[in-house]
């Protein structure tokens, strides 16, 4: 799936589209904020072992407090088009997966929090060497109304520092499994 399609989905769900940037908000905070944060890390494990961990079903194994409730497919498993819900930080979220392509190493999700924000998560995994996998993650958040701007900006600030935490959780899971 190309990036344009993902951005089109984001615009559709948000009802607004602002150019990408690190943290943008409108004049006098009248325009919904849009943020873009990117981080990367390396996992000391082969690609074939790491890629599946970025599907929502498998992510439950390493991501603390990530408990998806699958609506599609049933029985639950990772595939493009999966739809599920979560409650994180006390906020219900509706998710869909727009790309789950092991051949290209691309995983993409869109989730929304009603009346608050729409989030695009774009993940690219690359085979580094036989026992390493490089991971690049981009979070784009768009407020659904100006009153949500501060929450979007706070969550984006946390996104910017997520790489070491994700790497540690995945590494701990993989180490425990050996």
C-alpha atoms as a PDB file:
ATOM      1  CA  UNK A   1       0.000   0.000   0.000  1.00  0.00           C
ATOM      2  CA  UNK A   2       1.433   3.395  -0.846  1.00  0.00           C
ATOM      3  CA  UNK A   3       1.687   6.342   1.526  1.00  0.00           C
ATOM      4  CA  UNK A   4      -0.905   8.380  -0.395  1.00  0.00           C
ATOM      5  CA  UNK A   5      -3.605   5.829   0.395  1.00  0.00           C
ATOM      6  CA  UNK A   6      -2.722   5.925   4.100  1.00  0.00           C
ATOM      7  CA  UNK A   7      -2.862   9.724   4.149  1.00  0.00           C
ATOM      8  CA  UNK A   8      -6.170   9.619   2.268  1.00  0.00           C
ATOM      9  CA  UNK A   9      -7.584   7.351   4.980  1.00  0.00           C
ATOM     10  CA  UNK A  10      -6.287   9.710   7.631  1.00  0.00           C
ATOM     11  CA  UNK A  11      -7.954  12.657   5.908  1.00  0.00           C
ATOM     12  CA  UNK A  12     -11.187  10.712   5.514  1.00  0.00           C
ATOM     13  CA  UNK A  13     -11.379   9.731   9.183  1.00  0.00           C
ATOM     14  CA  UNK A  14     -10.196  13.073  10.520  1.00  0.00           C
ATOM     15  CA  UNK A  15     -12.164  15.281   8.186  1.00  0.00           C
ATOM     16  CA  UNK A  16      -9.091  17.499   8.004  1.00  0.00           C
ATOM     17  CA  UNK A  17      -5.676  17.271   6.413  1.00  0.00           C
ATOM     18  CA  UNK A  18      -2.742  19.452   7.281  1.00  0.00           C
ATOM     19  CA  UNK A  19       0.744  19.165   5.779  1.00  0.00           C
ATOM     20  CA  UNK A  20       3.103  16.857   7.646  1.00  0.00           C
ATOM     21  CA  UNK A  21       5.399  18.442  10.176  1.00  0.00           C
ATOM     22  CA  UNK A  22       6.636  17.714  13.652  1.00  0.00           C
ATOM     23  CA  UNK A  23       3.912  19.560  15.550  1.00  0.00           C
ATOM     24  CA  UNK A  24       1.568  21.919  13.829  1.00  0.00           C
ATOM     25  CA  UNK A  25      -1.354  23.734  15.271  1.00  0.00           C
ATOM     26  CA  UNK A  26      -3.503  26.420  13.786  1.00  0.00           C
ATOM     27  CA  UNK A  27      -3.586  30.147  14.306  1.00  0.00           C
ATOM     28  CA  UNK A  28      -4.579  30.786  17.921  1.00  0.00           C
ATOM     29  CA  UNK A  29      -5.234  27.035  18.245  1.00  0.00           C
ATOM     30  CA  UNK A  30      -8.356  27.265  16.072  1.00  0.00           C
ATOM     31  CA  UNK A  31      -7.156  24.584  13.672  1.00  0.00           C
ATOM     32  CA  UNK A  32      -6.836  20.966  14.796  1.00  0.00           C
ATOM     33  CA  UNK A  33      -3.219  20.055  15.531  1.00  0.00           C
ATOM     34  CA  UNK A  34      -1.282  17.596  13.373  1.00  0.00           C
ATOM     35  CA  UNK A  35       1.945  15.955  14.538  1.00  0.00           C
ATOM     36  CA  UNK A  36       4.499  13.636  12.964  1.00  0.00           C
ATOM     37  CA  UNK A  37       7.063  11.801  15.069  1.00  0.00           C
ATOM     38  CA  UNK A  38       9.525   9.195  13.852  1.00  0.00           C
ATOM     39  CA  UNK A  39      11.795   6.788  15.672  1.00  0.00           C
ATOM     40  CA  UNK A  40      13.909   3.785  14.819  1.00  0.00           C
ATOM     41  CA  UNK A  41      15.673   0.936  16.528  1.00  0.00           C
ATOM     42  CA  UNK A  42      17.399  -2.366  15.822  1.00  0.00           C
ATOM     43  CA  UNK A  43      16.224  -5.730  17.122  1.00  0.00           C
ATOM     44  CA  UNK A  44      18.884  -8.412  17.528  1.00  0.00           C
ATOM     45  CA  UNK A  45      16.833 -11.150  15.895  1.00  0.00           C
ATOM     46  CA  UNK A  46      16.180 -12.292  12.334  1.00  0.00           C
ATOM     47  CA  UNK A  47      13.497 -10.566  10.266  1.00  0.00           C
ATOM     48  CA  UNK A  48      11.407 -13.743  10.080  1.00  0.00           C
ATOM     49  CA  UNK A  49      11.106 -13.707  13.868  1.00  0.00           C
ATOM     50  CA  UNK A  50      10.577  -9.938  14.253  1.00  0.00           C
ATOM     51  CA  UNK A  51       8.085  -9.051  11.494  1.00  0.00           C
ATOM     52  CA  UNK A  52       5.150 -11.086  12.920  1.00  0.00           C
ATOM     53  CA  UNK A  53       5.490  -9.226  16.244  1.00  0.00           C
ATOM     54  CA  UNK A  54       4.088  -6.092  14.590  1.00  0.00           C
ATOM     55  CA  UNK A  55       0.710  -7.686  13.943  1.00  0.00           C
ATOM     56  CA  UNK A  56      -1.843  -6.765  16.608  1.00  0.00           C
ATOM     57  CA  UNK A  57      -2.448 -10.392  17.587  1.00  0.00           C
ATOM     58  CA  UNK A  58       1.264 -11.113  18.090  1.00  0.00           C
ATOM     59  CA  UNK A  59       2.002  -7.694  19.608  1.00  0.00           C
ATOM     60  CA  UNK A  60       0.079  -8.803  22.703  1.00  0.00           C
ATOM     61  CA  UNK A  61       3.079 -10.991  23.519  1.00  0.00           C
ATOM     62  CA  UNK A  62       5.498  -8.101  24.016  1.00  0.00           C
ATOM     63  CA  UNK A  63       3.548  -4.845  24.412  1.00  0.00           C
ATOM     64  CA  UNK A  64       2.573  -4.119  27.985  1.00  0.00           C
ATOM     65  CA  UNK A  65      -1.166  -3.551  28.429  1.00  0.00           C
ATOM     66  CA  UNK A  66      -1.975  -3.993  24.709  1.00  0.00           C
ATOM     67  CA  UNK A  67      -5.107  -6.125  24.640  1.00  0.00           C
ATOM     68  CA  UNK A  68      -6.905  -5.986  21.277  1.00  0.00           C
ATOM     69  CA  UNK A  69     -10.480  -7.202  20.998  1.00  0.00           C
ATOM     70  CA  UNK A  70     -10.806  -8.510  17.442  1.00  0.00           C
ATOM     71  CA  UNK A  71     -13.898  -7.840  15.355  1.00  0.00           C
ATOM     72  CA  UNK A  72     -12.335  -9.166  12.141  1.00  0.00           C
ATOM     73  CA  UNK A  73     -10.995 -11.712  11.387  1.00  0.00           C
ATOM     74  CA  UNK A  74     -12.461 -14.338  13.655  1.00  0.00           C
ATOM     75  CA  UNK A  75     -10.788 -16.367  14.923  1.00  0.00           C
ATOM     76  CA  UNK A  76      -8.284 -13.595  15.528  1.00  0.00           C
ATOM     77  CA  UNK A  77      -5.027 -13.574  13.582  1.00  0.00           C
ATOM     78  CA  UNK A  78      -2.825 -10.992  11.903  1.00  0.00           C
ATOM     79  CA  UNK A  79      -3.690  -9.991   8.352  1.00  0.00           C
ATOM     80  CA  UNK A  80      -4.234  -6.863   6.306  1.00  0.00           C
ATOM     81  CA  UNK A  81      -7.697  -5.461   6.989  1.00  0.00           C
ATOM     82  CA  UNK A  82      -7.956  -6.647  10.591  1.00  0.00           C
ATOM     83  CA  UNK A  83     -10.298  -4.552  12.744  1.00  0.00           C
ATOM     84  CA  UNK A  84     -10.102  -4.459  16.521  1.00  0.00           C
ATOM     85  CA  UNK A  85     -10.646  -2.251  19.544  1.00  0.00           C
ATOM     86  CA  UNK A  86      -8.494  -1.448  22.557  1.00  0.00           C
ATOM     87  CA  UNK A  87      -8.772   0.646  25.674  1.00  0.00           C
ATOM     88  CA  UNK A  88      -5.504   2.373  26.488  1.00  0.00           C
ATOM     89  CA  UNK A  89      -5.059   5.115  29.032  1.00  0.00           C
ATOM     90  CA  UNK A  90      -8.778   4.850  29.723  1.00  0.00           C
ATOM     91  CA  UNK A  91      -9.640   5.814  26.126  1.00  0.00           C
ATOM     92  CA  UNK A  92     -11.446   3.406  23.774  1.00  0.00           C
ATOM     93  CA  UNK A  93      -9.783   3.172  20.350  1.00  0.00           C
ATOM     94  CA  UNK A  94     -11.034   1.660  17.096  1.00  0.00           C
ATOM     95  CA  UNK A  95      -8.286   0.258  14.859  1.00  0.00           C
ATOM     96  CA  UNK A  96      -7.893  -1.019  11.333  1.00  0.00           C
ATOM     97  CA  UNK A  97      -4.820  -2.411   9.671  1.00  0.00           C
ATOM     98  CA  UNK A  98      -4.247  -0.956   6.203  1.00  0.00           C
ATOM     99  CA  UNK A  99      -1.080  -2.898   5.347  1.00  0.00           C
ATOM    100  CA  UNK A 100       0.480  -6.099   6.664  1.00  0.00           C
ATOM    101  CA  UNK A 101       3.010  -7.102   4.012  1.00  0.00           C
ATOM    102  CA  UNK A 102       5.829  -9.408   5.113  1.00  0.00           C
ATOM    103  CA  UNK A 103       7.445  -9.352   1.645  1.00  0.00           C
ATOM    104  CA  UNK A 104       8.047  -5.589   1.777  1.00  0.00           C
ATOM    105  CA  UNK A 105       8.304  -5.236   5.561  1.00  0.00           C
ATOM    106  CA  UNK A 106       5.470  -2.722   5.712  1.00  0.00           C
ATOM    107  CA  UNK A 107       2.841  -2.570   8.457  1.00  0.00           C
ATOM    108  CA  UNK A 108       0.348   0.268   8.818  1.00  0.00           C
ATOM    109  CA  UNK A 109      -2.496   0.995  11.199  1.00  0.00           C
ATOM    110  CA  UNK A 110      -5.081   3.734  11.532  1.00  0.00           C
ATOM    111  CA  UNK A 111      -6.902   4.187  14.802  1.00  0.00           C
ATOM    112  CA  UNK A 112      -9.227   6.820  16.108  1.00  0.00           C
ATOM    113  CA  UNK A 113     -10.366   8.015  19.482  1.00  0.00           C
ATOM    114  CA  UNK A 114     -13.900   9.413  19.174  1.00  0.00           C
ATOM    115  CA  UNK A 115     -14.027  13.228  19.264  1.00  0.00           C
ATOM    116  CA  UNK A 116     -10.287  13.386  20.024  1.00  0.00           C
ATOM    117  CA  UNK A 117      -7.923  12.254  17.256  1.00  0.00           C
ATOM    118  CA  UNK A 118      -7.056  10.006  14.340  1.00  0.00           C
ATOM    119  CA  UNK A 119      -3.654   8.298  14.328  1.00  0.00           C
ATOM    120  CA  UNK A 120      -1.672   6.782  11.464  1.00  0.00           C
ATOM    121  CA  UNK A 121       1.130   4.398  12.464  1.00  0.00           C
ATOM    122  CA  UNK A 122       3.465   3.487   9.616  1.00  0.00           C
ATOM    123  CA  UNK A 123       6.096   0.798  10.298  1.00  0.00           C
ATOM    124  CA  UNK A 124       8.890  -0.376   8.007  1.00  0.00           C
ATOM    125  CA  UNK A 125      11.120  -3.327   8.862  1.00  0.00           C
ATOM    126  CA  UNK A 126      14.363  -4.068   7.016  1.00  0.00           C
ATOM    127  CA  UNK A 127      16.603  -7.067   7.096  1.00  0.00           C
ATOM    128  CA  UNK A 128      19.841  -5.611   8.383  1.00  0.00           C
ATOM    129  CA  UNK A 129      22.049  -8.675   8.664  1.00  0.00           C
ATOM    130  CA  UNK A 130      21.106 -12.279   9.354  1.00  0.00           C
ATOM    131  CA  UNK A 131      20.498 -11.716  13.077  1.00  0.00           C
ATOM    132  CA  UNK A 132      19.287  -8.090  13.067  1.00  0.00           C
ATOM    133  CA  UNK A 133      16.161  -6.268  11.955  1.00  0.00           C
ATOM    134  CA  UNK A 134      15.916  -2.497  11.576  1.00  0.00           C
ATOM    135  CA  UNK A 135      12.577  -0.935  12.496  1.00  0.00           C
ATOM    136  CA  UNK A 136      11.374   2.565  11.517  1.00  0.00           C
ATOM    137  CA  UNK A 137       8.105   3.865  12.958  1.00  0.00           C
ATOM    138  CA  UNK A 138       6.201   7.039  12.085  1.00  0.00           C
ATOM    139  CA  UNK A 139       3.271   8.272  14.171  1.00  0.00           C
ATOM    140  CA  UNK A 140       1.006  10.944  12.687  1.00  0.00           C
ATOM    141  CA  UNK A 141      -1.700  12.328  14.930  1.00  0.00           C
ATOM    142  CA  UNK A 142      -4.473  14.711  13.918  1.00  0.00           C
ATOM    143  CA  UNK A 143      -6.848  16.297  16.405  1.00  0.00           C
ATOM    144  CA  UNK A 144     -10.518  16.025  15.485  1.00  0.00           C
ATOM    145  CA  UNK A 145     -11.248  19.376  17.113  1.00  0.00           C
ATOM    146  CA  UNK A 146      -9.085  22.203  18.470  1.00  0.00           C
ATOM    147  CA  UNK A 147      -9.960  21.293  22.082  1.00  0.00           C
ATOM    148  CA  UNK A 148      -7.982  18.059  21.610  1.00  0.00           C
ATOM    149  CA  UNK A 149      -4.793  19.828  20.467  1.00  0.00           C
ATOM    150  CA  UNK A 150      -3.001  19.619  23.810  1.00  0.00           C
ATOM    151  CA  UNK A 151      -3.747  15.919  24.154  1.00  0.00           C
ATOM    152  CA  UNK A 152      -2.432  15.288  20.618  1.00  0.00           C
ATOM    153  CA  UNK A 153       0.727  17.255  21.377  1.00  0.00           C
ATOM    154  CA  UNK A 154       1.302  15.377  24.671  1.00  0.00           C
ATOM    155  CA  UNK A 155       0.865  11.996  22.996  1.00  0.00           C
ATOM    156  CA  UNK A 156       3.184  13.035  20.137  1.00  0.00           C
ATOM    157  CA  UNK A 157       5.829  14.010  22.658  1.00  0.00           C
ATOM    158  CA  UNK A 158       5.626  10.490  24.119  1.00  0.00           C
ATOM    159  CA  UNK A 159       5.780   8.996  20.585  1.00  0.00           C
ATOM    160  CA  UNK A 160       9.097  10.730  19.963  1.00  0.00           C
ATOM    161  CA  UNK A 161      10.683   8.775  22.829  1.00  0.00           C
ATOM    162  CA  UNK A 162       9.089   5.366  22.188  1.00  0.00           C
ATOM    163  CA  UNK A 163      11.950   3.703  20.291  1.00  0.00           C
ATOM    164  CA  UNK A 164      14.021   2.578  23.294  1.00  0.00           C
ATOM    165  CA  UNK A 165      10.900   1.335  25.110  1.00  0.00           C
ATOM    166  CA  UNK A 166       9.682  -0.698  22.096  1.00  0.00           C
ATOM    167  CA  UNK A 167      13.168  -2.119  21.565  1.00  0.00           C
ATOM    168  CA  UNK A 168      13.461  -3.120  25.234  1.00  0.00           C
ATOM    169  CA  UNK A 169      10.013  -4.797  25.326  1.00  0.00           C
ATOM    170  CA  UNK A 170      10.630  -6.741  22.090  1.00  0.00           C
ATOM    171  CA  UNK A 171      14.129  -7.765  23.174  1.00  0.00           C
ATOM    172  CA  UNK A 172      12.879  -8.902  26.589  1.00  0.00           C
ATOM    173  CA  UNK A 173      10.152 -10.993  24.946  1.00  0.00           C
ATOM    174  CA  UNK A 174      12.580 -12.571  22.468  1.00  0.00           C
ATOM    175  CA  UNK A 175      15.144 -13.278  25.213  1.00  0.00           C
ATOM    176  CA  UNK A 176      12.496 -14.871  27.433  1.00  0.00           C
ATOM    177  CA  UNK A 177      11.379 -17.078  24.544  1.00  0.00           C
ATOM    178  CA  UNK A 178      14.852 -18.539  23.981  1.00  0.00           C
END
